[in-house]
């Protein structure tokens, strides 16, 4: 008999096991095997990533995001248009969405260098 499966859009693997535990990013989390226990663990995982999803929803709503074209809830990065010659790839940590994201400028080096330096100065000042 196949184990029950749950498909989700979490940024990390969440897999329920019929043995009564839940695997989250490779770590076994204590839990019962009843449907209620499984549902409660699932709700905890949803709550854990709510701030992450809110942060990315804001990016999607306020900026010109070109990649991914149709982001899913598990996508941790966004490529944002800055100009016709430059874009910024932002990677948000799902566990710490309010921390400084990973940033990588893509495009003409002359345009990227000035913004990269300015970003580095702003982060150092904070």
PDB file of N, CA and C in Angstrom:
ATOM      1  N   UNK A   1       0.842  -1.180   0.000  1.00  0.00           N
ATOM      2  CA  UNK A   1       0.000   0.000   0.000  1.00  0.00           C
ATOM      3  C   UNK A   1       0.890   1.247   0.000  1.00  0.00           C
ATOM      4  N   UNK A   2       0.562   2.188  -0.834  1.00  0.00           N
ATOM      5  CA  UNK A   2       1.317   3.438  -0.909  1.00  0.00           C
ATOM      6  C   UNK A   2       1.040   4.302   0.309  1.00  0.00           C
ATOM      7  N   UNK A   3       2.084   5.033   0.727  1.00  0.00           N
ATOM      8  CA  UNK A   3       1.891   6.000   1.807  1.00  0.00           C
ATOM      9  C   UNK A   3       1.057   7.157   1.297  1.00  0.00           C
ATOM     10  N   UNK A   4       0.289   7.791   2.182  1.00  0.00           N
ATOM     11  CA  UNK A   4      -0.460   8.972   1.757  1.00  0.00           C
ATOM     12  C   UNK A   4       0.502  10.065   1.301  1.00  0.00           C
ATOM     13  N   UNK A   5       0.085  10.852   0.344  1.00  0.00           N
ATOM     14  CA  UNK A   5       0.925  11.929  -0.172  1.00  0.00           C
ATOM     15  C   UNK A   5       0.226  13.262  -0.011  1.00  0.00           C
ATOM     16  N   UNK A   6       1.032  14.285   0.172  1.00  0.00           N
ATOM     17  CA  UNK A   6       0.526  15.649   0.262  1.00  0.00           C
ATOM     18  C   UNK A   6       1.414  16.508  -0.621  1.00  0.00           C
ATOM     19  N   UNK A   7       0.815  17.203  -1.554  1.00  0.00           N
ATOM     20  CA  UNK A   7       1.574  18.084  -2.428  1.00  0.00           C
ATOM     21  C   UNK A   7       1.309  19.518  -2.008  1.00  0.00           C
ATOM     22  N   UNK A   8       2.370  20.292  -1.930  1.00  0.00           N
ATOM     23  CA  UNK A   8       2.230  21.667  -1.458  1.00  0.00           C
ATOM     24  C   UNK A   8       3.212  22.557  -2.197  1.00  0.00           C
ATOM     25  N   UNK A   9       3.127  23.835  -1.934  1.00  0.00           N
ATOM     26  CA  UNK A   9       4.000  24.832  -2.548  1.00  0.00           C
ATOM     27  C   UNK A   9       4.951  25.421  -1.513  1.00  0.00           C
ATOM     28  N   UNK A  10       5.394  24.646  -0.548  1.00  0.00           N
ATOM     29  CA  UNK A  10       6.326  25.139   0.456  1.00  0.00           C
ATOM     30  C   UNK A  10       7.709  25.315  -0.166  1.00  0.00           C
ATOM     31  N   UNK A  11       8.486  26.280   0.340  1.00  0.00           N
ATOM     32  CA  UNK A  11       9.832  26.481  -0.199  1.00  0.00           C
ATOM     33  C   UNK A  11      10.794  25.347   0.151  1.00  0.00           C
ATOM     34  N   UNK A  12      10.448  24.539   1.152  1.00  0.00           N
ATOM     35  CA  UNK A  12      11.239  23.367   1.506  1.00  0.00           C
ATOM     36  C   UNK A  12      10.343  22.142   1.439  1.00  0.00           C
ATOM     37  N   UNK A  13      10.944  20.987   1.326  1.00  0.00           N
ATOM     38  CA  UNK A  13      10.201  19.739   1.255  1.00  0.00           C
ATOM     39  C   UNK A  13       9.417  19.510   2.541  1.00  0.00           C
ATOM     40  N   UNK A  14       8.141  19.250   2.404  1.00  0.00           N
ATOM     41  CA  UNK A  14       7.300  18.833   3.520  1.00  0.00           C
ATOM     42  C   UNK A  14       6.654  17.533   3.084  1.00  0.00           C
ATOM     43  N   UNK A  15       6.988  16.450   3.762  1.00  0.00           N
ATOM     44  CA  UNK A  15       6.441  15.147   3.392  1.00  0.00           C
ATOM     45  C   UNK A  15       5.896  14.478   4.644  1.00  0.00           C
ATOM     46  N   UNK A  16       4.666  14.071   4.596  1.00  0.00           N
ATOM     47  CA  UNK A  16       4.054  13.390   5.726  1.00  0.00           C
ATOM     48  C   UNK A  16       4.349  11.906   5.622  1.00  0.00           C
ATOM     49  N   UNK A  17       4.556  11.287   6.759  1.00  0.00           N
ATOM     50  CA  UNK A  17       4.804   9.851   6.789  1.00  0.00           C
ATOM     51  C   UNK A  17       3.727   9.184   7.625  1.00  0.00           C
ATOM     52  N   UNK A  18       3.310   8.029   7.190  1.00  0.00           N
ATOM     53  CA  UNK A  18       2.271   7.311   7.912  1.00  0.00           C
ATOM     54  C   UNK A  18       2.776   6.765   9.239  1.00  0.00           C
ATOM     55  N   UNK A  19       4.090   6.820   9.477  1.00  0.00           N
ATOM     56  CA  UNK A  19       4.648   6.344  10.734  1.00  0.00           C
ATOM     57  C   UNK A  19       4.379   7.314  11.874  1.00  0.00           C
ATOM     58  N   UNK A  20       3.752   8.440  11.569  1.00  0.00           N
ATOM     59  CA  UNK A  20       3.396   9.364  12.632  1.00  0.00           C
ATOM     60  C   UNK A  20       4.285  10.577  12.703  1.00  0.00           C
ATOM     61  N   UNK A  21       5.198  10.707  11.793  1.00  0.00           N
ATOM     62  CA  UNK A  21       6.062  11.877  11.813  1.00  0.00           C
ATOM     63  C   UNK A  21       5.921  12.674  10.536  1.00  0.00           C
ATOM     64  N   UNK A  22       6.594  13.781  10.508  1.00  0.00           N
ATOM     65  CA  UNK A  22       6.583  14.616   9.317  1.00  0.00           C
ATOM     66  C   UNK A  22       8.018  15.003   9.026  1.00  0.00           C
ATOM     67  N   UNK A  23       8.405  14.942   7.784  1.00  0.00           N
ATOM     68  CA  UNK A  23       9.752  15.333   7.397  1.00  0.00           C
ATOM     69  C   UNK A  23       9.688  16.742   6.841  1.00  0.00           C
ATOM     70  N   UNK A  24      10.450  17.645   7.435  1.00  0.00           N
ATOM     71  CA  UNK A  24      10.509  19.025   6.973  1.00  0.00           C
ATOM     72  C   UNK A  24      11.970  19.358   6.748  1.00  0.00           C
ATOM     73  N   UNK A  25      12.335  19.553   5.496  1.00  0.00           N
ATOM     74  CA  UNK A  25      13.722  19.832   5.113  1.00  0.00           C
ATOM     75  C   UNK A  25      14.664  18.760   5.662  1.00  0.00           C
ATOM     76  N   UNK A  26      14.230  17.527   5.573  1.00  0.00           N
ATOM     77  CA  UNK A  26      15.097  16.430   5.955  1.00  0.00           C
ATOM     78  C   UNK A  26      15.125  16.113   7.439  1.00  0.00           C
ATOM     79  N   UNK A  27      14.375  16.832   8.256  1.00  0.00           N
ATOM     80  CA  UNK A  27      14.365  16.578   9.694  1.00  0.00           C
ATOM     81  C   UNK A  27      13.021  16.004  10.105  1.00  0.00           C
ATOM     82  N   UNK A  28      13.036  14.956  10.899  1.00  0.00           N
ATOM     83  CA  UNK A  28      11.798  14.363  11.382  1.00  0.00           C
ATOM     84  C   UNK A  28      11.231  15.232  12.488  1.00  0.00           C
ATOM     85  N   UNK A  29       9.975  15.603  12.343  1.00  0.00           N
ATOM     86  CA  UNK A  29       9.282  16.415  13.336  1.00  0.00           C
ATOM     87  C   UNK A  29       8.294  15.506  14.042  1.00  0.00           C
ATOM     88  N   UNK A  30       8.299  15.527  15.372  1.00  0.00           N
ATOM     89  CA  UNK A  30       7.399  14.663  16.130  1.00  0.00           C
ATOM     90  C   UNK A  30       5.958  14.970  15.774  1.00  0.00           C
ATOM     91  N   UNK A  31       5.147  13.955  15.740  1.00  0.00           N
ATOM     92  CA  UNK A  31       3.738  14.161  15.436  1.00  0.00           C
ATOM     93  C   UNK A  31       2.995  12.850  15.469  1.00  0.00           C
ATOM     94  N   UNK A  32       1.690  12.924  15.557  1.00  0.00           N
ATOM     95  CA  UNK A  32       0.873  11.727  15.580  1.00  0.00           C
ATOM     96  C   UNK A  32       0.498  11.295  14.185  1.00  0.00           C
ATOM     97  N   UNK A  33      -0.179  10.169  14.112  1.00  0.00           N
ATOM     98  CA  UNK A  33      -0.542   9.647  12.805  1.00  0.00           C
ATOM     99  C   UNK A  33      -2.014   9.861  12.477  1.00  0.00           C
ATOM    100  N   UNK A  34      -2.745  10.553  13.336  1.00  0.00           N
ATOM    101  CA  UNK A  34      -4.145  10.802  13.016  1.00  0.00           C
ATOM    102  C   UNK A  34      -4.243  11.921  11.988  1.00  0.00           C
ATOM    103  N   UNK A  35      -5.358  11.971  11.314  1.00  0.00           N
ATOM    104  CA  UNK A  35      -5.579  13.011  10.320  1.00  0.00           C
ATOM    105  C   UNK A  35      -5.521  14.395  10.961  1.00  0.00           C
ATOM    106  N   UNK A  36      -6.045  14.523  12.164  1.00  0.00           N
ATOM    107  CA  UNK A  36      -5.999  15.806  12.867  1.00  0.00           C
ATOM    108  C   UNK A  36      -4.557  16.226  13.151  1.00  0.00           C
ATOM    109  N   UNK A  37      -3.722  15.287  13.595  1.00  0.00           N
ATOM    110  CA  UNK A  37      -2.308  15.597  13.852  1.00  0.00           C
ATOM    111  C   UNK A  37      -1.604  16.046  12.572  1.00  0.00           C
ATOM    112  N   UNK A  38      -1.877  15.354  11.491  1.00  0.00           N
ATOM    113  CA  UNK A  38      -1.268  15.708  10.208  1.00  0.00           C
ATOM    114  C   UNK A  38      -1.716  17.098   9.780  1.00  0.00           C
ATOM    115  N   UNK A  39      -2.996  17.376   9.918  1.00  0.00           N
ATOM    116  CA  UNK A  39      -3.533  18.690   9.552  1.00  0.00           C
ATOM    117  C   UNK A  39      -2.901  19.798  10.396  1.00  0.00           C
ATOM    118  N   UNK A  40      -2.745  19.556  11.693  1.00  0.00           N
ATOM    119  CA  UNK A  40      -2.138  20.566  12.569  1.00  0.00           C
ATOM    120  C   UNK A  40      -0.688  20.825  12.183  1.00  0.00           C
ATOM    121  N   UNK A  41       0.048  19.790  11.844  1.00  0.00           N
ATOM    122  CA  UNK A  41       1.443  19.962  11.404  1.00  0.00           C
ATOM    123  C   UNK A  41       1.498  20.756  10.097  1.00  0.00           C
ATOM    124  N   UNK A  42       0.556  20.474   9.220  1.00  0.00           N
ATOM    125  CA  UNK A  42       0.488  21.199   7.958  1.00  0.00           C
ATOM    126  C   UNK A  42       0.205  22.680   8.214  1.00  0.00           C
ATOM    127  N   UNK A  43      -0.733  22.974   9.116  1.00  0.00           N
ATOM    128  CA  UNK A  43      -1.033  24.368   9.472  1.00  0.00           C
ATOM    129  C   UNK A  43       0.188  25.067  10.058  1.00  0.00           C
ATOM    130  N   UNK A  44       0.959  24.360  10.890  1.00  0.00           N
ATOM    131  CA  UNK A  44       2.178  24.935  11.466  1.00  0.00           C
ATOM    132  C   UNK A  44       3.168  25.301  10.361  1.00  0.00           C
ATOM    133  N   UNK A  45       3.292  24.433   9.373  1.00  0.00           N
ATOM    134  CA  UNK A  45       4.204  24.720   8.262  1.00  0.00           C
ATOM    135  C   UNK A  45       3.718  25.933   7.473  1.00  0.00           C
ATOM    136  N   UNK A  46       2.412  26.046   7.255  1.00  0.00           N
ATOM    137  CA  UNK A  46       1.853  27.207   6.556  1.00  0.00           C
ATOM    138  C   UNK A  46       2.151  28.475   7.345  1.00  0.00           C
ATOM    139  N   UNK A  47       1.916  28.447   8.652  1.00  0.00           N
ATOM    140  CA  UNK A  47       2.187  29.618   9.500  1.00  0.00           C
ATOM    141  C   UNK A  47       3.661  30.003   9.462  1.00  0.00           C
ATOM    142  N   UNK A  48       4.525  29.004   9.421  1.00  0.00           N
ATOM    143  CA  UNK A  48       5.968  29.244   9.432  1.00  0.00           C
ATOM    144  C   UNK A  48       6.420  30.072   8.228  1.00  0.00           C
ATOM    145  N   UNK A  49       5.771  29.884   7.088  1.00  0.00           N
ATOM    146  CA  UNK A  49       6.192  30.554   5.860  1.00  0.00           C
ATOM    147  C   UNK A  49       5.319  31.738   5.473  1.00  0.00           C
ATOM    148  N   UNK A  50       4.366  32.127   6.301  1.00  0.00           N
ATOM    149  CA  UNK A  50       3.449  33.200   5.929  1.00  0.00           C
ATOM    150  C   UNK A  50       4.169  34.529   5.688  1.00  0.00           C
ATOM    151  N   UNK A  51       5.122  34.888   6.538  1.00  0.00           N
ATOM    152  CA  UNK A  51       5.867  36.140   6.339  1.00  0.00           C
ATOM    153  C   UNK A  51       6.668  36.107   5.033  1.00  0.00           C
ATOM    154  N   UNK A  52       7.220  34.956   4.708  1.00  0.00           N
ATOM    155  CA  UNK A  52       7.954  34.776   3.450  1.00  0.00           C
ATOM    156  C   UNK A  52       7.035  35.031   2.258  1.00  0.00           C
ATOM    157  N   UNK A  53       5.864  34.427   2.266  1.00  0.00           N
ATOM    158  CA  UNK A  53       4.929  34.602   1.152  1.00  0.00           C
ATOM    159  C   UNK A  53       4.441  36.041   1.059  1.00  0.00           C
ATOM    160  N   UNK A  54       4.220  36.682   2.201  1.00  0.00           N
ATOM    161  CA  UNK A  54       3.790  38.084   2.202  1.00  0.00           C
ATOM    162  C   UNK A  54       4.864  38.970   1.571  1.00  0.00           C
ATOM    163  N   UNK A  55       6.127  38.729   1.930  1.00  0.00           N
ATOM    164  CA  UNK A  55       7.231  39.522   1.372  1.00  0.00           C
ATOM    165  C   UNK A  55       7.302  39.366  -0.150  1.00  0.00           C
ATOM    166  N   UNK A  56       7.175  38.152  -0.640  1.00  0.00           N
ATOM    167  CA  UNK A  56       7.248  37.941  -2.086  1.00  0.00           C
ATOM    168  C   UNK A  56       6.011  38.478  -2.796  1.00  0.00           C
ATOM    169  N   UNK A  57       4.858  38.406  -2.152  1.00  0.00           N
ATOM    170  CA  UNK A  57       3.650  39.004  -2.743  1.00  0.00           C
ATOM    171  C   UNK A  57       3.842  40.506  -2.939  1.00  0.00           C
ATOM    172  N   UNK A  58       4.502  41.156  -1.977  1.00  0.00           N
ATOM    173  CA  UNK A  58       4.774  42.599  -2.105  1.00  0.00           C
ATOM    174  C   UNK A  58       5.714  42.881  -3.272  1.00  0.00           C
ATOM    175  N   UNK A  59       6.759  42.075  -3.397  1.00  0.00           N
ATOM    176  CA  UNK A  59       7.674  42.241  -4.539  1.00  0.00           C
ATOM    177  C   UNK A  59       6.916  42.084  -5.857  1.00  0.00           C
ATOM    178  N   UNK A  60       6.097  41.053  -5.939  1.00  0.00           N
ATOM    179  CA  UNK A  60       5.354  40.786  -7.175  1.00  0.00           C
ATOM    180  C   UNK A  60       4.393  41.918  -7.514  1.00  0.00           C
ATOM    181  N   UNK A  61       3.793  42.512  -6.504  1.00  0.00           N
ATOM    182  CA  UNK A  61       2.791  43.559  -6.733  1.00  0.00           C
ATOM    183  C   UNK A  61       3.418  44.912  -7.068  1.00  0.00           C
ATOM    184  N   UNK A  62       4.603  45.193  -6.525  1.00  0.00           N
ATOM    185  CA  UNK A  62       5.160  46.538  -6.628  1.00  0.00           C
ATOM    186  C   UNK A  62       6.295  46.682  -7.635  1.00  0.00           C
ATOM    187  N   UNK A  63       6.835  45.574  -8.123  1.00  0.00           N
ATOM    188  CA  UNK A  63       7.982  45.636  -9.030  1.00  0.00           C
ATOM    189  C   UNK A  63       7.698  44.862 -10.312  1.00  0.00           C
ATOM    190  N   UNK A  64       8.522  45.095 -11.315  1.00  0.00           N
ATOM    191  CA  UNK A  64       8.389  44.394 -12.584  1.00  0.00           C
ATOM    192  C   UNK A  64       9.217  43.110 -12.498  1.00  0.00           C
ATOM    193  N   UNK A  65       8.565  42.029 -12.140  1.00  0.00           N
ATOM    194  CA  UNK A  65       9.213  40.729 -11.990  1.00  0.00           C
ATOM    195  C   UNK A  65       9.105  39.985 -13.317  1.00  0.00           C
ATOM    196  N   UNK A  66      10.265  39.577 -13.856  1.00  0.00           N
ATOM    197  CA  UNK A  66      10.272  38.872 -15.140  1.00  0.00           C
ATOM    198  C   UNK A  66      10.590  37.387 -15.016  1.00  0.00           C
ATOM    199  N   UNK A  67      11.084  36.980 -13.870  1.00  0.00           N
ATOM    200  CA  UNK A  67      11.403  35.568 -13.680  1.00  0.00           C
ATOM    201  C   UNK A  67      11.297  35.234 -12.203  1.00  0.00           C
ATOM    202  N   UNK A  68      10.595  34.203 -11.866  1.00  0.00           N
ATOM    203  CA  UNK A  68       9.832  33.332 -12.743  1.00  0.00           C
ATOM    204  C   UNK A  68       8.590  34.030 -13.291  1.00  0.00           C
ATOM    205  N   UNK A  69       8.184  33.609 -14.483  1.00  0.00           N
ATOM    206  CA  UNK A  69       7.032  34.243 -15.128  1.00  0.00           C
ATOM    207  C   UNK A  69       5.755  34.046 -14.325  1.00  0.00           C
ATOM    208  N   UNK A  70       5.560  32.854 -13.835  1.00  0.00           N
ATOM    209  CA  UNK A  70       4.394  32.532 -13.000  1.00  0.00           C
ATOM    210  C   UNK A  70       4.907  31.929 -11.702  1.00  0.00           C
ATOM    211  N   UNK A  71       5.313  32.765 -10.754  1.00  0.00           N
ATOM    212  CA  UNK A  71       5.925  32.232  -9.540  1.00  0.00           C
ATOM    213  C   UNK A  71       4.952  31.378  -8.728  1.00  0.00           C
ATOM    214  N   UNK A  72       5.513  30.336  -8.136  1.00  0.00           N
ATOM    215  CA  UNK A  72       4.736  29.495  -7.227  1.00  0.00           C
ATOM    216  C   UNK A  72       5.109  29.869  -5.798  1.00  0.00           C
ATOM    217  N   UNK A  73       4.415  29.330  -4.856  1.00  0.00           N
ATOM    218  CA  UNK A  73       4.675  29.635  -3.449  1.00  0.00           C
ATOM    219  C   UNK A  73       6.016  29.063  -2.985  1.00  0.00           C
ATOM    220  N   UNK A  74       6.582  28.147  -3.723  1.00  0.00           N
ATOM    221  CA  UNK A  74       7.868  27.567  -3.310  1.00  0.00           C
ATOM    222  C   UNK A  74       9.073  28.320  -3.869  1.00  0.00           C
ATOM    223  N   UNK A  75       8.851  29.225  -4.823  1.00  0.00           N
ATOM    224  CA  UNK A  75       9.956  29.974  -5.426  1.00  0.00           C
ATOM    225  C   UNK A  75      10.516  30.997  -4.443  1.00  0.00           C
ATOM    226  N   UNK A  76      11.823  30.964  -4.256  1.00  0.00           N
ATOM    227  CA  UNK A  76      12.477  31.858  -3.298  1.00  0.00           C
ATOM    228  C   UNK A  76      13.170  33.040  -3.963  1.00  0.00           C
ATOM    229  N   UNK A  77      13.197  33.069  -5.272  1.00  0.00           N
ATOM    230  CA  UNK A  77      13.906  34.148  -5.962  1.00  0.00           C
ATOM    231  C   UNK A  77      12.993  34.862  -6.941  1.00  0.00           C
ATOM    232  N   UNK A  78      13.382  36.108  -7.223  1.00  0.00           N
ATOM    233  CA  UNK A  78      12.696  36.919  -8.224  1.00  0.00           C
ATOM    234  C   UNK A  78      13.750  37.684  -9.014  1.00  0.00           C
ATOM    235  N   UNK A  79      13.538  37.798 -10.313  1.00  0.00           N
ATOM    236  CA  UNK A  79      14.391  38.637 -11.157  1.00  0.00           C
ATOM    237  C   UNK A  79      13.586  39.878 -11.503  1.00  0.00           C
ATOM    238  N   UNK A  80      14.111  41.030 -11.121  1.00  0.00           N
ATOM    239  CA  UNK A  80      13.401  42.302 -11.206  1.00  0.00           C
ATOM    240  C   UNK A  80      14.085  43.196 -12.236  1.00  0.00           C
ATOM    241  N   UNK A  81      13.292  43.809 -13.102  1.00  0.00           N
ATOM    242  CA  UNK A  81      13.826  44.730 -14.107  1.00  0.00           C
ATOM    243  C   UNK A  81      14.171  46.056 -13.436  1.00  0.00           C
ATOM    244  N   UNK A  82      15.397  46.522 -13.668  1.00  0.00           N
ATOM    245  CA  UNK A  82      15.820  47.838 -13.191  1.00  0.00           C
ATOM    246  C   UNK A  82      15.856  48.819 -14.363  1.00  0.00           C
ATOM    247  N   UNK A  83      16.396  48.362 -15.486  1.00  0.00           N
ATOM    248  CA  UNK A  83      16.432  49.178 -16.708  1.00  0.00           C
ATOM    249  C   UNK A  83      16.461  48.224 -17.895  1.00  0.00           C
ATOM    250  N   UNK A  84      16.531  48.787 -19.091  1.00  0.00           N
ATOM    251  CA  UNK A  84      16.566  47.935 -20.283  1.00  0.00           C
ATOM    252  C   UNK A  84      17.845  47.102 -20.352  1.00  0.00           C
ATOM    253  N   UNK A  85      18.880  47.514 -19.612  1.00  0.00           N
ATOM    254  CA  UNK A  85      20.158  46.808 -19.649  1.00  0.00           C
ATOM    255  C   UNK A  85      20.502  46.095 -18.351  1.00  0.00           C
ATOM    256  N   UNK A  86      19.619  46.174 -17.366  1.00  0.00           N
ATOM    257  CA  UNK A  86      19.997  45.671 -16.048  1.00  0.00           C
ATOM    258  C   UNK A  86      18.794  45.091 -15.313  1.00  0.00           C
ATOM    259  N   UNK A  87      19.035  43.962 -14.658  1.00  0.00           N
ATOM    260  CA  UNK A  87      18.022  43.391 -13.776  1.00  0.00           C
ATOM    261  C   UNK A  87      18.705  42.942 -12.488  1.00  0.00           C
ATOM    262  N   UNK A  88      17.899  42.674 -11.493  1.00  0.00           N
ATOM    263  CA  UNK A  88      18.396  42.271 -10.178  1.00  0.00           C
ATOM    264  C   UNK A  88      17.717  40.973  -9.788  1.00  0.00           C
ATOM    265  N   UNK A  89      18.522  39.965  -9.464  1.00  0.00           N
ATOM    266  CA  UNK A  89      17.978  38.711  -8.955  1.00  0.00           C
ATOM    267  C   UNK A  89      18.030  38.766  -7.429  1.00  0.00           C
ATOM    268  N   UNK A  90      16.871  38.634  -6.818  1.00  0.00           N
ATOM    269  CA  UNK A  90      16.732  38.704  -5.364  1.00  0.00           C
ATOM    270  C   UNK A  90      16.338  37.320  -4.866  1.00  0.00           C
ATOM    271  N   UNK A  91      17.052  36.818  -3.854  1.00  0.00           N
ATOM    272  CA  UNK A  91      16.720  35.535  -3.245  1.00  0.00           C
ATOM    273  C   UNK A  91      16.383  35.776  -1.781  1.00  0.00           C
ATOM    274  N   UNK A  92      15.154  35.428  -1.410  1.00  0.00           N
ATOM    275  CA  UNK A  92      14.651  35.657  -0.056  1.00  0.00           C
ATOM    276  C   UNK A  92      14.752  34.355   0.735  1.00  0.00           C
ATOM    277  N   UNK A  93      15.270  34.437   1.954  1.00  0.00           N
ATOM    278  CA  UNK A  93      15.359  33.271   2.831  1.00  0.00           C
ATOM    279  C   UNK A  93      13.973  32.996   3.412  1.00  0.00           C
ATOM    280  N   UNK A  94      13.386  31.838   3.137  1.00  0.00           N
ATOM    281  CA  UNK A  94      12.037  31.547   3.622  1.00  0.00           C
ATOM    282  C   UNK A  94      11.914  31.555   5.143  1.00  0.00           C
ATOM    283  N   UNK A  95      12.993  31.229   5.837  1.00  0.00           N
ATOM    284  CA  UNK A  95      12.942  31.197   7.300  1.00  0.00           C
ATOM    285  C   UNK A  95      13.193  32.564   7.919  1.00  0.00           C
ATOM    286  N   UNK A  96      13.851  33.459   7.182  1.00  0.00           N
ATOM    287  CA  UNK A  96      14.169  34.806   7.677  1.00  0.00           C
ATOM    288  C   UNK A  96      13.873  35.833   6.579  1.00  0.00           C
ATOM    289  N   UNK A  97      12.615  35.984   6.215  1.00  0.00           N
ATOM    290  CA  UNK A  97      12.285  36.838   5.067  1.00  0.00           C
ATOM    291  C   UNK A  97      12.557  38.319   5.265  1.00  0.00           C
ATOM    292  N   UNK A  98      12.719  38.770   6.495  1.00  0.00           N
ATOM    293  CA  UNK A  98      12.998  40.194   6.710  1.00  0.00           C
ATOM    294  C   UNK A  98      14.495  40.486   6.765  1.00  0.00           C
ATOM    295  N   UNK A  99      15.333  39.451   6.638  1.00  0.00           N
ATOM    296  CA  UNK A  99      16.775  39.681   6.589  1.00  0.00           C
ATOM    297  C   UNK A  99      17.156  40.169   5.190  1.00  0.00           C
ATOM    298  N   UNK A 100      18.374  40.654   5.056  1.00  0.00           N
ATOM    299  CA  UNK A 100      18.843  41.157   3.759  1.00  0.00           C
ATOM    300  C   UNK A 100      18.845  39.993   2.764  1.00  0.00           C
ATOM    301  N   UNK A 101      18.159  40.147   1.646  1.00  0.00           N
ATOM    302  CA  UNK A 101      18.110  39.055   0.669  1.00  0.00           C
ATOM    303  C   UNK A 101      19.417  38.944  -0.105  1.00  0.00           C
ATOM    304  N   UNK A 102      19.618  37.798  -0.716  1.00  0.00           N
ATOM    305  CA  UNK A 102      20.729  37.654  -1.639  1.00  0.00           C
ATOM    306  C   UNK A 102      20.429  38.476  -2.879  1.00  0.00           C
ATOM    307  N   UNK A 103      21.406  39.216  -3.369  1.00  0.00           N
ATOM    308  CA  UNK A 103      21.199  40.092  -4.531  1.00  0.00           C
ATOM    309  C   UNK A 103      22.307  39.859  -5.547  1.00  0.00           C
ATOM    310  N   UNK A 104      21.900  39.752  -6.813  1.00  0.00           N
ATOM    311  CA  UNK A 104      22.862  39.575  -7.897  1.00  0.00           C
ATOM    312  C   UNK A 104      22.389  40.394  -9.085  1.00  0.00           C
ATOM    313  N   UNK A 105      23.245  41.303  -9.524  1.00  0.00           N
ATOM    314  CA  UNK A 105      22.913  42.135 -10.676  1.00  0.00           C
ATOM    315  C   UNK A 105      23.241  41.381 -11.957  1.00  0.00           C
ATOM    316  N   UNK A 106      22.333  41.469 -12.919  1.00  0.00           N
ATOM    317  CA  UNK A 106      22.502  40.801 -14.204  1.00  0.00           C
ATOM    318  C   UNK A 106      22.397  41.842 -15.308  1.00  0.00           C
ATOM    319  N   UNK A 107      23.376  41.858 -16.191  1.00  0.00           N
ATOM    320  CA  UNK A 107      23.346  42.812 -17.294  1.00  0.00           C
ATOM    321  C   UNK A 107      24.693  43.477 -17.486  1.00  0.00           C
ATOM    322  N   UNK A 108      24.663  44.654 -18.080  1.00  0.00           N
ATOM    323  CA  UNK A 108      25.880  45.400 -18.394  1.00  0.00           C
ATOM    324  C   UNK A 108      26.681  45.684 -17.122  1.00  0.00           C
ATOM    325  N   UNK A 109      27.937  45.316 -17.131  1.00  0.00           N
ATOM    326  CA  UNK A 109      28.782  45.474 -15.945  1.00  0.00           C
ATOM    327  C   UNK A 109      28.931  46.934 -15.539  1.00  0.00           C
ATOM    328  N   UNK A 110      28.992  47.826 -16.494  1.00  0.00           N
ATOM    329  CA  UNK A 110      29.141  49.247 -16.147  1.00  0.00           C
ATOM    330  C   UNK A 110      27.935  49.745 -15.358  1.00  0.00           C
ATOM    331  N   UNK A 111      26.750  49.311 -15.738  1.00  0.00           N
ATOM    332  CA  UNK A 111      25.541  49.713 -15.014  1.00  0.00           C
ATOM    333  C   UNK A 111      25.441  48.986 -13.678  1.00  0.00           C
ATOM    334  N   UNK A 112      25.846  47.717 -13.660  1.00  0.00           N
ATOM    335  CA  UNK A 112      25.728  46.914 -12.444  1.00  0.00           C
ATOM    336  C   UNK A 112      26.712  47.354 -11.366  1.00  0.00           C
ATOM    337  N   UNK A 113      27.924  47.745 -11.750  1.00  0.00           N
ATOM    338  CA  UNK A 113      28.963  48.075 -10.773  1.00  0.00           C
ATOM    339  C   UNK A 113      28.544  49.210  -9.849  1.00  0.00           C
ATOM    340  N   UNK A 114      27.992  50.263 -10.407  1.00  0.00           N
ATOM    341  CA  UNK A 114      27.598  51.412  -9.585  1.00  0.00           C
ATOM    342  C   UNK A 114      26.497  51.030  -8.596  1.00  0.00           C
ATOM    343  N   UNK A 115      25.515  50.286  -9.058  1.00  0.00           N
ATOM    344  CA  UNK A 115      24.427  49.881  -8.160  1.00  0.00           C
ATOM    345  C   UNK A 115      24.891  48.854  -7.131  1.00  0.00           C
ATOM    346  N   UNK A 116      25.785  47.960  -7.535  1.00  0.00           N
ATOM    347  CA  UNK A 116      26.325  46.976  -6.601  1.00  0.00           C
ATOM    348  C   UNK A 116      27.078  47.678  -5.471  1.00  0.00           C
ATOM    349  N   UNK A 117      27.879  48.686  -5.814  1.00  0.00           N
ATOM    350  CA  UNK A 117      28.614  49.448  -4.799  1.00  0.00           C
ATOM    351  C   UNK A 117      27.662  50.202  -3.879  1.00  0.00           C
ATOM    352  N   UNK A 118      26.659  50.818  -4.449  1.00  0.00           N
ATOM    353  CA  UNK A 118      25.687  51.559  -3.644  1.00  0.00           C
ATOM    354  C   UNK A 118      24.939  50.622  -2.696  1.00  0.00           C
ATOM    355  N   UNK A 119      24.538  49.462  -3.185  1.00  0.00           N
ATOM    356  CA  UNK A 119      23.852  48.484  -2.341  1.00  0.00           C
ATOM    357  C   UNK A 119      24.757  48.030  -1.203  1.00  0.00           C
ATOM    358  N   UNK A 120      26.021  47.774  -1.502  1.00  0.00           N
ATOM    359  CA  UNK A 120      26.967  47.346  -0.465  1.00  0.00           C
ATOM    360  C   UNK A 120      27.122  48.420   0.609  1.00  0.00           C
ATOM    361  N   UNK A 121      27.182  49.685   0.201  1.00  0.00           N
ATOM    362  CA  UNK A 121      27.289  50.780   1.180  1.00  0.00           C
ATOM    363  C   UNK A 121      26.034  50.864   2.046  1.00  0.00           C
ATOM    364  N   UNK A 122      24.871  50.727   1.441  1.00  0.00           N
ATOM    365  CA  UNK A 122      23.608  50.799   2.185  1.00  0.00           C
ATOM    366  C   UNK A 122      23.505  49.669   3.203  1.00  0.00           C
ATOM    367  N   UNK A 123      23.940  48.486   2.825  1.00  0.00           N
ATOM    368  CA  UNK A 123      23.886  47.343   3.741  1.00  0.00           C
ATOM    369  C   UNK A 123      24.863  47.547   4.887  1.00  0.00           C
ATOM    370  N   UNK A 124      26.056  48.082   4.611  1.00  0.00           N
ATOM    371  CA  UNK A 124      27.050  48.335   5.656  1.00  0.00           C
ATOM    372  C   UNK A 124      26.568  49.374   6.653  1.00  0.00           C
ATOM    373  N   UNK A 125      25.814  50.358   6.202  1.00  0.00           N
ATOM    374  CA  UNK A 125      25.317  51.427   7.070  1.00  0.00           C
ATOM    375  C   UNK A 125      24.216  50.912   7.988  1.00  0.00           C
ATOM    376  N   UNK A 126      23.420  49.975   7.510  1.00  0.00           N
ATOM    377  CA  UNK A 126      22.268  49.470   8.275  1.00  0.00           C
ATOM    378  C   UNK A 126      22.675  48.743   9.523  1.00  0.00           C
TER     379      UNK A 126
END
